[in-house]
């Protein structure tokens, strides 16, 4: 799964921990990424946003 706008990671936590899904996060805000990574150590959260996400712009 791909989640844009992870924020502090509340939904990502539900998907990763409670539902056992594989989730890749995209979050443009460094402070929000830091909070999410504190909550979800080892999660994959990248610096980007929906408008500048490389795979979407290649089409």
PDB file of N, CA and C in Angstrom:
ATOM      1  N   UNK A   1       0.837  -1.169   0.000  1.00  0.00           N
ATOM      2  CA  UNK A   1       0.000   0.000   0.000  1.00  0.00           C
ATOM      3  C   UNK A   1       0.884   1.236   0.000  1.00  0.00           C
ATOM      4  N   UNK A   2       0.342   2.293  -0.548  1.00  0.00           N
ATOM      5  CA  UNK A   2       1.032   3.579  -0.597  1.00  0.00           C
ATOM      6  C   UNK A   2       0.128   4.607   0.051  1.00  0.00           C
ATOM      7  N   UNK A   3       0.645   5.308   1.048  1.00  0.00           N
ATOM      8  CA  UNK A   3      -0.131   6.344   1.718  1.00  0.00           C
ATOM      9  C   UNK A   3       0.533   7.697   1.517  1.00  0.00           C
ATOM     10  N   UNK A   4      -0.198   8.622   0.920  1.00  0.00           N
ATOM     11  CA  UNK A   4       0.273   9.998   0.770  1.00  0.00           C
ATOM     12  C   UNK A   4      -0.216  10.808   1.962  1.00  0.00           C
ATOM     13  N   UNK A   5       0.665  11.644   2.501  1.00  0.00           N
ATOM     14  CA  UNK A   5       0.281  12.488   3.634  1.00  0.00           C
ATOM     15  C   UNK A   5       0.156  11.692   4.914  1.00  0.00           C
ATOM     16  N   UNK A   6       1.214  11.019   5.271  1.00  0.00           N
ATOM     17  CA  UNK A   6       1.242  10.168   6.458  1.00  0.00           C
ATOM     18  C   UNK A   6       0.962  10.956   7.737  1.00  0.00           C
ATOM     19  N   UNK A   7       1.387  12.219   7.766  1.00  0.00           N
ATOM     20  CA  UNK A   7       1.229  13.009   8.992  1.00  0.00           C
ATOM     21  C   UNK A   7       2.005  12.384  10.123  1.00  0.00           C
ATOM     22  N   UNK A   8       1.353  12.203  11.263  1.00  0.00           N
ATOM     23  CA  UNK A   8       2.038  11.620  12.425  1.00  0.00           C
ATOM     24  C   UNK A   8       1.964  10.096  12.441  1.00  0.00           C
ATOM     25  N   UNK A   9       1.372   9.498  11.425  1.00  0.00           N
ATOM     26  CA  UNK A   9       1.402   8.049  11.276  1.00  0.00           C
ATOM     27  C   UNK A   9       0.248   7.277  11.888  1.00  0.00           C
ATOM     28  N   UNK A  10      -0.858   7.944  12.239  1.00  0.00           N
ATOM     29  CA  UNK A  10      -1.968   7.232  12.885  1.00  0.00           C
ATOM     30  C   UNK A  10      -2.578   6.156  11.986  1.00  0.00           C
ATOM     31  N   UNK A  11      -2.903   6.499  10.739  1.00  0.00           N
ATOM     32  CA  UNK A  11      -3.477   5.502   9.831  1.00  0.00           C
ATOM     33  C   UNK A  11      -2.433   4.443   9.481  1.00  0.00           C
ATOM     34  N   UNK A  12      -1.211   4.883   9.253  1.00  0.00           N
ATOM     35  CA  UNK A  12      -0.153   3.944   8.911  1.00  0.00           C
ATOM     36  C   UNK A  12       0.034   2.921  10.035  1.00  0.00           C
ATOM     37  N   UNK A  13      -0.068   3.369  11.273  1.00  0.00           N
ATOM     38  CA  UNK A  13       0.051   2.463  12.419  1.00  0.00           C
ATOM     39  C   UNK A  13      -1.054   1.412  12.371  1.00  0.00           C
ATOM     40  N   UNK A  14      -2.272   1.831  12.086  1.00  0.00           N
ATOM     41  CA  UNK A  14      -3.388   0.876  12.005  1.00  0.00           C
ATOM     42  C   UNK A  14      -3.150  -0.140  10.891  1.00  0.00           C
ATOM     43  N   UNK A  15      -2.655   0.326   9.767  1.00  0.00           N
ATOM     44  CA  UNK A  15      -2.421  -0.572   8.635  1.00  0.00           C
ATOM     45  C   UNK A  15      -1.250  -1.516   8.887  1.00  0.00           C
ATOM     46  N   UNK A  16      -0.161  -0.991   9.426  1.00  0.00           N
ATOM     47  CA  UNK A  16       1.037  -1.802   9.660  1.00  0.00           C
ATOM     48  C   UNK A  16       0.865  -2.757  10.831  1.00  0.00           C
ATOM     49  N   UNK A  17       0.492  -2.205  11.955  1.00  0.00           N
ATOM     50  CA  UNK A  17       0.493  -2.968  13.201  1.00  0.00           C
ATOM     51  C   UNK A  17      -0.781  -3.795  13.348  1.00  0.00           C
ATOM     52  N   UNK A  18      -1.918  -3.140  13.190  1.00  0.00           N
ATOM     53  CA  UNK A  18      -3.176  -3.826  13.469  1.00  0.00           C
ATOM     54  C   UNK A  18      -3.650  -4.714  12.318  1.00  0.00           C
ATOM     55  N   UNK A  19      -3.394  -4.299  11.074  1.00  0.00           N
ATOM     56  CA  UNK A  19      -3.875  -5.076   9.924  1.00  0.00           C
ATOM     57  C   UNK A  19      -2.762  -5.897   9.272  1.00  0.00           C
ATOM     58  N   UNK A  20      -1.513  -5.672   9.668  1.00  0.00           N
ATOM     59  CA  UNK A  20      -0.402  -6.453   9.136  1.00  0.00           C
ATOM     60  C   UNK A  20      -0.094  -6.196   7.673  1.00  0.00           C
ATOM     61  N   UNK A  21      -0.395  -5.007   7.182  1.00  0.00           N
ATOM     62  CA  UNK A  21      -0.156  -4.662   5.777  1.00  0.00           C
ATOM     63  C   UNK A  21       1.262  -4.118   5.588  1.00  0.00           C
ATOM     64  N   UNK A  22       1.742  -4.152   4.360  1.00  0.00           N
ATOM     65  CA  UNK A  22       2.982  -3.490   3.992  1.00  0.00           C
ATOM     66  C   UNK A  22       2.595  -2.113   3.470  1.00  0.00           C
ATOM     67  N   UNK A  23       3.157  -1.067   4.073  1.00  0.00           N
ATOM     68  CA  UNK A  23       2.771   0.301   3.724  1.00  0.00           C
ATOM     69  C   UNK A  23       4.028   1.132   3.481  1.00  0.00           C
ATOM     70  N   UNK A  24       4.012   1.897   2.398  1.00  0.00           N
ATOM     71  CA  UNK A  24       5.065   2.858   2.093  1.00  0.00           C
ATOM     72  C   UNK A  24       4.448   4.234   2.225  1.00  0.00           C
ATOM     73  N   UNK A  25       5.057   5.084   3.033  1.00  0.00           N
ATOM     74  CA  UNK A  25       4.502   6.401   3.300  1.00  0.00           C
ATOM     75  C   UNK A  25       5.223   7.511   2.562  1.00  0.00           C
ATOM     76  N   UNK A  26       4.456   8.523   2.189  1.00  0.00           N
ATOM     77  CA  UNK A  26       4.985   9.726   1.549  1.00  0.00           C
ATOM     78  C   UNK A  26       4.513  10.917   2.376  1.00  0.00           C
ATOM     79  N   UNK A  27       5.455  11.709   2.883  1.00  0.00           N
ATOM     80  CA  UNK A  27       5.109  12.857   3.720  1.00  0.00           C
ATOM     81  C   UNK A  27       6.079  14.002   3.441  1.00  0.00           C
ATOM     82  N   UNK A  28       5.568  15.169   2.984  1.00  0.00           N
ATOM     83  CA  UNK A  28       6.447  16.287   2.653  1.00  0.00           C
ATOM     84  C   UNK A  28       6.979  17.061   3.866  1.00  0.00           C
ATOM     85  N   UNK A  29       6.329  16.954   5.007  1.00  0.00           N
ATOM     86  CA  UNK A  29       6.722  17.725   6.183  1.00  0.00           C
ATOM     87  C   UNK A  29       7.737  16.952   7.037  1.00  0.00           C
ATOM     88  N   UNK A  30       8.930  17.527   7.184  1.00  0.00           N
ATOM     89  CA  UNK A  30       9.974  16.870   7.987  1.00  0.00           C
ATOM     90  C   UNK A  30       9.536  16.654   9.436  1.00  0.00           C
ATOM     91  N   UNK A  31       8.929  17.647  10.111  1.00  0.00           N
ATOM     92  CA  UNK A  31       8.490  17.410  11.493  1.00  0.00           C
ATOM     93  C   UNK A  31       7.452  16.288  11.601  1.00  0.00           C
ATOM     94  N   UNK A  32       6.543  16.209  10.641  1.00  0.00           N
ATOM     95  CA  UNK A  32       5.539  15.141  10.654  1.00  0.00           C
ATOM     96  C   UNK A  32       6.195  13.785  10.425  1.00  0.00           C
ATOM     97  N   UNK A  33       7.151  13.716   9.481  1.00  0.00           N
ATOM     98  CA  UNK A  33       7.875  12.458   9.239  1.00  0.00           C
ATOM     99  C   UNK A  33       8.579  11.993  10.503  1.00  0.00           C
ATOM    100  N   UNK A  34       9.224  12.930  11.193  1.00  0.00           N
ATOM    101  CA  UNK A  34       9.939  12.585  12.424  1.00  0.00           C
ATOM    102  C   UNK A  34       8.993  12.008  13.474  1.00  0.00           C
ATOM    103  N   UNK A  35       7.817  12.636  13.639  1.00  0.00           N
ATOM    104  CA  UNK A  35       6.833  12.131  14.609  1.00  0.00           C
ATOM    105  C   UNK A  35       6.349  10.740  14.222  1.00  0.00           C
ATOM    106  N   UNK A  36       6.088  10.547  12.935  1.00  0.00           N
ATOM    107  CA  UNK A  36       5.624   9.235  12.462  1.00  0.00           C
ATOM    108  C   UNK A  36       6.696   8.175  12.680  1.00  0.00           C
ATOM    109  N   UNK A  37       7.940   8.510  12.395  1.00  0.00           N
ATOM    110  CA  UNK A  37       9.021   7.544  12.560  1.00  0.00           C
ATOM    111  C   UNK A  37       9.282   7.223  14.030  1.00  0.00           C
ATOM    112  N   UNK A  38       9.027   8.170  14.927  1.00  0.00           N
ATOM    113  CA  UNK A  38       9.127   7.883  16.357  1.00  0.00           C
ATOM    114  C   UNK A  38       8.067   6.863  16.751  1.00  0.00           C
ATOM    115  N   UNK A  39       6.877   7.019  16.198  1.00  0.00           N
ATOM    116  CA  UNK A  39       5.760   6.126  16.498  1.00  0.00           C
ATOM    117  C   UNK A  39       5.943   4.772  15.832  1.00  0.00           C
ATOM    118  N   UNK A  40       6.566   4.769  14.646  1.00  0.00           N
ATOM    119  CA  UNK A  40       6.674   3.555  13.827  1.00  0.00           C
ATOM    120  C   UNK A  40       8.123   3.322  13.425  1.00  0.00           C
ATOM    121  N   UNK A  41       8.958   3.028  14.385  1.00  0.00           N
ATOM    122  CA  UNK A  41      10.376   2.803  14.110  1.00  0.00           C
ATOM    123  C   UNK A  41      10.550   1.761  13.009  1.00  0.00           C
ATOM    124  N   UNK A  42      11.360   2.096  12.031  1.00  0.00           N
ATOM    125  CA  UNK A  42      11.624   1.174  10.936  1.00  0.00           C
ATOM    126  C   UNK A  42      10.644   1.277   9.772  1.00  0.00           C
ATOM    127  N   UNK A  43       9.644   2.146   9.885  1.00  0.00           N
ATOM    128  CA  UNK A  43       8.679   2.318   8.795  1.00  0.00           C
ATOM    129  C   UNK A  43       9.358   2.984   7.603  1.00  0.00           C
ATOM    130  N   UNK A  44       8.797   2.777   6.425  1.00  0.00           N
ATOM    131  CA  UNK A  44       9.320   3.397   5.206  1.00  0.00           C
ATOM    132  C   UNK A  44       8.500   4.643   4.894  1.00  0.00           C
ATOM    133  N   UNK A  45       9.066   5.813   5.222  1.00  0.00           N
ATOM    134  CA  UNK A  45       8.387   7.087   4.971  1.00  0.00           C
ATOM    135  C   UNK A  45       9.360   7.996   4.227  1.00  0.00           C
ATOM    136  N   UNK A  46       8.982   8.385   3.025  1.00  0.00           N
ATOM    137  CA  UNK A  46       9.848   9.184   2.162  1.00  0.00           C
ATOM    138  C   UNK A  46       9.393  10.638   2.096  1.00  0.00           C
ATOM    139  N   UNK A  47      10.327  11.523   1.791  1.00  0.00           N
ATOM    140  CA  UNK A  47      10.057  12.945   1.613  1.00  0.00           C
ATOM    141  C   UNK A  47       9.582  13.186   0.181  1.00  0.00           C
ATOM    142  N   UNK A  48       8.308  13.460   0.014  1.00  0.00           N
ATOM    143  CA  UNK A  48       7.736  13.786  -1.293  1.00  0.00           C
ATOM    144  C   UNK A  48       6.285  14.176  -1.078  1.00  0.00           C
ATOM    145  N   UNK A  49       5.560  14.398  -2.156  1.00  0.00           N
ATOM    146  CA  UNK A  49       4.130  14.648  -2.071  1.00  0.00           C
ATOM    147  C   UNK A  49       3.456  14.115  -3.326  1.00  0.00           C
ATOM    148  N   UNK A  50       2.149  14.176  -3.355  1.00  0.00           N
ATOM    149  CA  UNK A  50       1.376  13.600  -4.446  1.00  0.00           C
ATOM    150  C   UNK A  50       1.731  14.240  -5.795  1.00  0.00           C
ATOM    151  N   UNK A  51       1.950  15.543  -5.806  1.00  0.00           N
ATOM    152  CA  UNK A  51       2.219  16.252  -7.059  1.00  0.00           C
ATOM    153  C   UNK A  51       3.609  15.996  -7.615  1.00  0.00           C
ATOM    154  N   UNK A  52       4.530  15.594  -6.768  1.00  0.00           N
ATOM    155  CA  UNK A  52       5.912  15.401  -7.208  1.00  0.00           C
ATOM    156  C   UNK A  52       6.397  13.970  -7.063  1.00  0.00           C
ATOM    157  N   UNK A  53       5.478  13.034  -6.909  1.00  0.00           N
ATOM    158  CA  UNK A  53       5.859  11.638  -6.744  1.00  0.00           C
ATOM    159  C   UNK A  53       6.332  11.094  -8.086  1.00  0.00           C
ATOM    160  N   UNK A  54       7.579  10.591  -8.168  1.00  0.00           N
ATOM    161  CA  UNK A  54       8.176  10.205  -9.458  1.00  0.00           C
ATOM    162  C   UNK A  54       7.365   9.200 -10.291  1.00  0.00           C
ATOM    163  N   UNK A  55       6.828   8.172  -9.680  1.00  0.00           N
ATOM    164  CA  UNK A  55       6.111   7.167 -10.463  1.00  0.00           C
ATOM    165  C   UNK A  55       4.841   7.723 -11.095  1.00  0.00           C
ATOM    166  N   UNK A  56       4.221   8.708 -10.479  1.00  0.00           N
ATOM    167  CA  UNK A  56       3.015   9.302 -11.045  1.00  0.00           C
ATOM    168  C   UNK A  56       3.350  10.278 -12.159  1.00  0.00           C
ATOM    169  N   UNK A  57       4.507  10.927 -12.077  1.00  0.00           N
ATOM    170  CA  UNK A  57       4.896  11.908 -13.086  1.00  0.00           C
ATOM    171  C   UNK A  57       5.457  11.258 -14.336  1.00  0.00           C
ATOM    172  N   UNK A  58       5.801   9.984 -14.281  1.00  0.00           N
ATOM    173  CA  UNK A  58       6.366   9.293 -15.441  1.00  0.00           C
ATOM    174  C   UNK A  58       5.324   8.918 -16.460  1.00  0.00           C
ATOM    175  N   UNK A  59       4.075   9.051 -16.148  1.00  0.00           N
ATOM    176  CA  UNK A  59       2.998   8.629 -17.054  1.00  0.00           C
ATOM    177  C   UNK A  59       2.567   9.754 -17.955  1.00  0.00           C
TER     178      UNK A  59
END
